[in-house]
Amino acid sequence: REMHLVPVERVVESIYYLASYKGNMEVEKFIISEDDHAFNNYFQIVNYIAVSLGKRKYPKVFFPFATIILALILRLTGRTQVISKQTYSGQKLYDYGFRSKVNFIKSLDNFILSKY
């Protein structure tokens, strides 16, 4: 399942870029996303943090109907995003010339180090 994690540095960098953009963007809407990063899913992130903290990895458990069950649970708890494979694209931002200098893994490492 996708985690939709976006480093705060990336968000600030994107907003700064859009605020200083010289073209006309009166009606444009942008998604700031890192969903295209191969590491950006619950299993990878949880295990990366666990290993970084000296804990053991969580086993990857597969249930054939897990997606359906998860969607049902999310729907019953009032969540609006119930599609577990949903991904968001920040491509439009890149199409406008944005280039990020933020490294996803380094940002995650910095967060972990700041907490422990």
N, C-alpha and C. Protein backbone atom coordinates (compact mmCIF):
# COMPACT_ATOMS: atom_id res chain seq x y z
N ARG A 1 0.84 -1.19 0.00
CA ARG A 1 0.00 0.00 0.00
C ARG A 1 0.88 1.23 0.00
N GLU A 2 0.53 2.17 -0.85
CA GLU A 2 1.31 3.41 -0.96
C GLU A 2 1.19 4.22 0.33
N MET A 3 2.27 4.89 0.71
CA MET A 3 2.25 5.67 1.94
C MET A 3 1.99 7.15 1.69
N HIS A 4 2.27 7.64 0.50
CA HIS A 4 2.07 9.04 0.14
C HIS A 4 2.92 9.98 1.01
N LEU A 5 4.07 9.50 1.41
CA LEU A 5 4.97 10.30 2.23
C LEU A 5 5.67 11.33 1.35
N VAL A 6 5.71 12.58 1.81
CA VAL A 6 6.40 13.66 1.10
C VAL A 6 7.25 14.41 2.12
N PRO A 7 8.56 14.47 1.90
CA PRO A 7 9.40 15.24 2.83
C PRO A 7 8.96 16.70 2.89
N VAL A 8 8.94 17.25 4.09
CA VAL A 8 8.50 18.64 4.26
C VAL A 8 9.39 19.59 3.46
N GLU A 9 10.67 19.24 3.34
CA GLU A 9 11.58 20.08 2.54
C GLU A 9 11.11 20.15 1.09
N ARG A 10 10.60 19.04 0.59
CA ARG A 10 10.09 18.99 -0.79
C ARG A 10 8.85 19.86 -0.93
N VAL A 11 8.00 19.85 0.07
CA VAL A 11 6.78 20.67 0.04
C VAL A 11 7.17 22.15 0.02
N VAL A 12 8.07 22.53 0.91
CA VAL A 12 8.50 23.94 0.98
C VAL A 12 9.19 24.35 -0.32
N GLU A 13 10.05 23.50 -0.82
CA GLU A 13 10.76 23.76 -2.08
C GLU A 13 9.77 23.95 -3.23
N SER A 14 8.74 23.13 -3.29
CA SER A 14 7.73 23.22 -4.34
C SER A 14 6.91 24.50 -4.23
N ILE A 15 6.49 24.82 -3.02
CA ILE A 15 5.71 26.04 -2.81
C ILE A 15 6.54 27.27 -3.17
N TYR A 16 7.80 27.28 -2.78
CA TYR A 16 8.69 28.40 -3.12
C TYR A 16 8.81 28.54 -4.64
N TYR A 17 8.97 27.41 -5.32
CA TYR A 17 9.09 27.44 -6.77
C TYR A 17 7.83 28.02 -7.41
N LEU A 18 6.68 27.55 -6.96
CA LEU A 18 5.42 28.02 -7.53
C LEU A 18 5.17 29.50 -7.22
N ALA A 19 5.56 29.92 -6.02
CA ALA A 19 5.37 31.33 -5.63
C ALA A 19 6.25 32.26 -6.45
N SER A 20 7.40 31.77 -6.88
CA SER A 20 8.32 32.62 -7.64
C SER A 20 8.24 32.39 -9.15
N TYR A 21 7.33 31.52 -9.59
CA TYR A 21 7.17 31.23 -11.01
C TYR A 21 6.66 32.47 -11.74
N LYS A 22 7.26 32.79 -12.86
CA LYS A 22 6.94 34.02 -13.60
C LYS A 22 5.75 33.90 -14.55
N GLY A 23 5.36 32.68 -14.89
CA GLY A 23 4.26 32.49 -15.83
C GLY A 23 2.89 32.66 -15.18
N ASN A 24 1.87 32.51 -15.98
CA ASN A 24 0.49 32.65 -15.52
C ASN A 24 0.00 31.30 -15.00
N MET A 25 -0.37 31.26 -13.72
CA MET A 25 -0.90 30.03 -13.12
C MET A 25 -2.14 30.32 -12.29
N GLU A 26 -2.96 31.25 -12.72
CA GLU A 26 -4.12 31.68 -11.94
C GLU A 26 -5.07 30.54 -11.58
N VAL A 27 -5.30 29.63 -12.48
CA VAL A 27 -6.29 28.57 -12.22
C VAL A 27 -5.65 27.18 -12.09
N GLU A 28 -4.34 27.13 -12.03
CA GLU A 28 -3.64 25.84 -11.97
C GLU A 28 -3.67 25.26 -10.56
N LYS A 29 -3.71 23.94 -10.50
CA LYS A 29 -3.61 23.21 -9.24
C LYS A 29 -2.51 22.18 -9.39
N PHE A 30 -1.72 22.02 -8.35
CA PHE A 30 -0.58 21.12 -8.41
C PHE A 30 -0.63 20.12 -7.26
N ILE A 31 -0.14 18.93 -7.53
CA ILE A 31 0.02 17.90 -6.51
C ILE A 31 1.51 17.79 -6.22
N ILE A 32 1.84 17.84 -4.95
CA ILE A 32 3.23 17.63 -4.54
C ILE A 32 3.28 16.19 -4.04
N SER A 33 4.00 15.36 -4.77
CA SER A 33 3.96 13.93 -4.48
C SER A 33 5.33 13.29 -4.66
N GLU A 34 5.55 12.23 -3.90
CA GLU A 34 6.73 11.37 -4.05
C GLU A 34 6.28 9.93 -4.24
N ASP A 35 5.04 9.74 -4.67
CA ASP A 35 4.51 8.39 -4.84
C ASP A 35 5.28 7.58 -5.88
N ASP A 36 5.98 8.25 -6.78
CA ASP A 36 6.74 7.52 -7.79
C ASP A 36 8.03 6.93 -7.25
N HIS A 37 8.41 7.28 -6.03
CA HIS A 37 9.61 6.72 -5.42
C HIS A 37 9.33 5.27 -5.02
N ALA A 38 10.16 4.35 -5.46
CA ALA A 38 9.93 2.92 -5.23
C ALA A 38 9.85 2.57 -3.74
N PHE A 39 10.43 3.37 -2.90
CA PHE A 39 10.51 3.09 -1.47
C PHE A 39 9.27 3.59 -0.71
N ASN A 40 8.41 4.36 -1.37
CA ASN A 40 7.33 5.07 -0.70
C ASN A 40 6.07 4.19 -0.54
N ASN A 41 6.20 3.15 0.28
CA ASN A 41 5.04 2.31 0.63
C ASN A 41 5.19 1.90 2.09
N TYR A 42 4.08 1.50 2.70
CA TYR A 42 4.08 1.21 4.13
C TYR A 42 5.11 0.17 4.52
N PHE A 43 5.17 -0.91 3.78
CA PHE A 43 6.08 -2.01 4.13
C PHE A 43 7.54 -1.54 4.13
N GLN A 44 7.95 -0.86 3.08
CA GLN A 44 9.35 -0.40 2.98
C GLN A 44 9.69 0.62 4.07
N ILE A 45 8.80 1.59 4.28
CA ILE A 45 9.06 2.65 5.24
C ILE A 45 9.12 2.09 6.66
N VAL A 46 8.15 1.27 7.04
CA VAL A 46 8.12 0.70 8.39
C VAL A 46 9.38 -0.13 8.64
N ASN A 47 9.76 -0.95 7.69
CA ASN A 47 10.95 -1.77 7.88
C ASN A 47 12.23 -0.94 7.89
N TYR A 48 12.30 0.10 7.09
CA TYR A 48 13.48 0.96 7.08
C TYR A 48 13.64 1.65 8.44
N ILE A 49 12.53 2.16 8.98
CA ILE A 49 12.59 2.81 10.29
C ILE A 49 12.94 1.79 11.37
N ALA A 50 12.33 0.60 11.32
CA ALA A 50 12.61 -0.44 12.31
C ALA A 50 14.09 -0.80 12.32
N VAL A 51 14.66 -1.05 11.15
CA VAL A 51 16.07 -1.42 11.05
C VAL A 51 16.96 -0.25 11.52
N SER A 52 16.59 0.98 11.16
CA SER A 52 17.36 2.15 11.59
C SER A 52 17.39 2.30 13.10
N LEU A 53 16.33 1.83 13.75
CA LEU A 53 16.24 1.92 15.21
C LEU A 53 16.73 0.65 15.91
N GLY A 54 17.31 -0.26 15.12
CA GLY A 54 17.83 -1.50 15.70
C GLY A 54 16.77 -2.53 16.02
N LYS A 55 15.61 -2.39 15.46
CA LYS A 55 14.51 -3.35 15.67
C LYS A 55 14.52 -4.36 14.54
N ARG A 56 13.76 -5.42 14.73
CA ARG A 56 13.69 -6.43 13.66
C ARG A 56 12.65 -6.03 12.61
N LYS A 57 12.86 -6.54 11.41
CA LYS A 57 11.94 -6.26 10.31
C LYS A 57 10.61 -6.95 10.54
N TYR A 58 9.57 -6.36 9.98
CA TYR A 58 8.26 -6.97 10.02
C TYR A 58 8.13 -7.90 8.82
N PRO A 59 7.58 -9.08 9.02
CA PRO A 59 7.40 -9.98 7.88
C PRO A 59 6.32 -9.45 6.95
N LYS A 60 6.53 -9.66 5.68
CA LYS A 60 5.51 -9.23 4.71
C LYS A 60 4.45 -10.33 4.64
N VAL A 61 3.28 -9.99 5.10
CA VAL A 61 2.18 -10.94 5.14
C VAL A 61 1.24 -10.64 3.97
N PHE A 62 0.85 -11.67 3.27
CA PHE A 62 -0.04 -11.49 2.13
C PHE A 62 -1.35 -12.21 2.38
N PHE A 63 -2.44 -11.47 2.29
CA PHE A 63 -3.77 -12.05 2.36
C PHE A 63 -4.42 -11.81 1.01
N PRO A 64 -4.94 -12.85 0.37
CA PRO A 64 -5.50 -12.70 -0.97
C PRO A 64 -6.59 -11.63 -1.09
N PHE A 65 -7.37 -11.43 -0.05
CA PHE A 65 -8.45 -10.47 -0.11
C PHE A 65 -8.16 -9.23 0.72
N ALA A 66 -6.91 -9.01 1.04
CA ALA A 66 -6.53 -7.89 1.91
C ALA A 66 -6.98 -6.55 1.34
N THR A 67 -6.90 -6.36 0.04
CA THR A 67 -7.30 -5.09 -0.58
C THR A 67 -8.79 -4.84 -0.39
N ILE A 68 -9.59 -5.85 -0.57
CA ILE A 68 -11.03 -5.72 -0.39
C ILE A 68 -11.37 -5.46 1.07
N ILE A 69 -10.74 -6.19 1.95
CA ILE A 69 -10.99 -6.02 3.39
C ILE A 69 -10.55 -4.63 3.84
N LEU A 70 -9.38 -4.21 3.38
CA LEU A 70 -8.88 -2.88 3.74
C LEU A 70 -9.84 -1.79 3.24
N ALA A 71 -10.31 -1.92 2.02
CA ALA A 71 -11.25 -0.94 1.46
C ALA A 71 -12.53 -0.88 2.29
N LEU A 72 -13.01 -2.04 2.71
CA LEU A 72 -14.22 -2.10 3.52
C LEU A 72 -14.00 -1.42 4.88
N ILE A 73 -12.88 -1.73 5.52
CA ILE A 73 -12.56 -1.11 6.81
C ILE A 73 -12.43 0.40 6.67
N LEU A 74 -11.73 0.84 5.64
CA LEU A 74 -11.56 2.28 5.42
C LEU A 74 -12.91 2.96 5.17
N ARG A 75 -13.75 2.32 4.40
CA ARG A 75 -15.08 2.87 4.11
C ARG A 75 -15.92 2.95 5.39
N LEU A 76 -15.87 1.90 6.20
CA LEU A 76 -16.64 1.87 7.45
C LEU A 76 -16.16 2.91 8.46
N THR A 77 -14.89 3.28 8.38
CA THR A 77 -14.35 4.29 9.31
C THR A 77 -14.46 5.70 8.74
N GLY A 78 -15.14 5.84 7.60
CA GLY A 78 -15.40 7.16 7.05
C GLY A 78 -14.29 7.75 6.21
N ARG A 79 -13.33 6.94 5.82
CA ARG A 79 -12.23 7.44 4.99
C ARG A 79 -12.70 7.65 3.56
N THR A 80 -12.14 8.65 2.92
CA THR A 80 -12.52 8.92 1.53
C THR A 80 -11.61 8.21 0.54
N GLN A 81 -10.39 7.95 0.93
CA GLN A 81 -9.47 7.23 0.05
C GLN A 81 -9.47 5.77 0.45
N VAL A 82 -10.17 4.95 -0.32
CA VAL A 82 -10.31 3.53 0.02
C VAL A 82 -9.58 2.62 -0.96
N ILE A 83 -9.05 3.18 -2.02
CA ILE A 83 -8.32 2.38 -3.02
C ILE A 83 -6.87 2.29 -2.56
N SER A 84 -6.46 1.11 -2.14
CA SER A 84 -5.12 0.95 -1.54
C SER A 84 -3.98 1.13 -2.54
N LYS A 85 -4.25 1.00 -3.81
CA LYS A 85 -3.20 1.17 -4.83
C LYS A 85 -3.19 2.58 -5.43
N GLN A 86 -3.97 3.49 -4.86
CA GLN A 86 -4.04 4.87 -5.35
C GLN A 86 -2.66 5.52 -5.29
N THR A 87 -2.27 6.15 -6.36
CA THR A 87 -1.02 6.92 -6.36
C THR A 87 -1.31 8.31 -6.90
N TYR A 88 -0.48 9.24 -6.49
CA TYR A 88 -0.61 10.62 -6.93
C TYR A 88 0.64 10.99 -7.73
N SER A 89 0.46 11.80 -8.74
CA SER A 89 1.57 12.19 -9.60
C SER A 89 1.87 13.68 -9.45
N GLY A 90 3.13 13.98 -9.26
CA GLY A 90 3.58 15.36 -9.22
C GLY A 90 4.16 15.79 -10.55
N GLN A 91 3.87 15.04 -11.61
CA GLN A 91 4.46 15.30 -12.93
C GLN A 91 4.15 16.70 -13.45
N LYS A 92 2.97 17.19 -13.19
CA LYS A 92 2.58 18.52 -13.69
C LYS A 92 3.54 19.59 -13.17
N LEU A 93 3.93 19.47 -11.93
CA LEU A 93 4.89 20.40 -11.34
C LEU A 93 6.22 20.35 -12.10
N TYR A 94 6.67 19.14 -12.43
CA TYR A 94 7.90 18.99 -13.20
C TYR A 94 7.73 19.52 -14.63
N ASP A 95 6.54 19.37 -15.18
CA ASP A 95 6.27 19.89 -16.52
C ASP A 95 6.41 21.41 -16.56
N TYR A 96 6.22 22.06 -15.41
CA TYR A 96 6.37 23.51 -15.31
C TYR A 96 7.82 23.91 -14.99
N GLY A 97 8.73 22.95 -15.02
CA GLY A 97 10.14 23.26 -14.86
C GLY A 97 10.72 23.01 -13.47
N PHE A 98 9.91 22.58 -12.53
CA PHE A 98 10.40 22.32 -11.17
C PHE A 98 11.36 21.14 -11.17
N ARG A 99 12.44 21.26 -10.41
CA ARG A 99 13.38 20.16 -10.20
C ARG A 99 13.72 20.13 -8.71
N SER A 100 13.47 19.02 -8.09
CA SER A 100 13.70 18.90 -6.65
C SER A 100 15.15 18.54 -6.35
N LYS A 101 15.67 19.14 -5.30
CA LYS A 101 17.01 18.83 -4.82
C LYS A 101 16.94 17.97 -3.57
N VAL A 102 15.73 17.61 -3.17
CA VAL A 102 15.52 16.85 -1.93
C VAL A 102 15.63 15.36 -2.21
N ASN A 103 16.41 14.67 -1.39
CA ASN A 103 16.57 13.23 -1.49
C ASN A 103 15.61 12.56 -0.51
N PHE A 104 14.73 11.72 -1.01
CA PHE A 104 13.69 11.08 -0.19
C PHE A 104 14.29 10.31 0.98
N ILE A 105 15.28 9.46 0.72
CA ILE A 105 15.88 8.63 1.76
C ILE A 105 16.64 9.48 2.77
N LYS A 106 17.38 10.48 2.30
CA LYS A 106 18.10 11.37 3.23
C LYS A 106 17.12 12.11 4.14
N SER A 107 16.00 12.55 3.60
CA SER A 107 14.99 13.22 4.41
C SER A 107 14.42 12.28 5.47
N LEU A 108 14.20 11.04 5.09
CA LEU A 108 13.72 10.05 6.04
C LEU A 108 14.76 9.81 7.13
N ASP A 109 16.02 9.68 6.73
CA ASP A 109 17.11 9.51 7.71
C ASP A 109 17.18 10.69 8.66
N ASN A 110 17.09 11.89 8.14
CA ASN A 110 17.15 13.09 8.98
C ASN A 110 16.00 13.12 9.98
N PHE A 111 14.83 12.69 9.54
CA PHE A 111 13.69 12.64 10.46
C PHE A 111 13.94 11.64 11.57
N ILE A 112 14.39 10.45 11.20
CA ILE A 112 14.66 9.40 12.20
C ILE A 112 15.71 9.88 13.20
N LEU A 113 16.78 10.48 12.71
CA LEU A 113 17.85 10.98 13.59
C LEU A 113 17.35 12.09 14.50
N SER A 114 16.42 12.90 14.04
CA SER A 114 15.92 14.01 14.85
C SER A 114 15.03 13.51 15.99
N LYS A 115 14.50 12.33 15.86
CA LYS A 115 13.60 11.78 16.89
C LYS A 115 14.33 10.92 17.93
N TYR A 116 15.46 10.35 17.55
CA TYR A 116 16.14 9.43 18.46
C TYR A 116 17.61 9.72 18.58
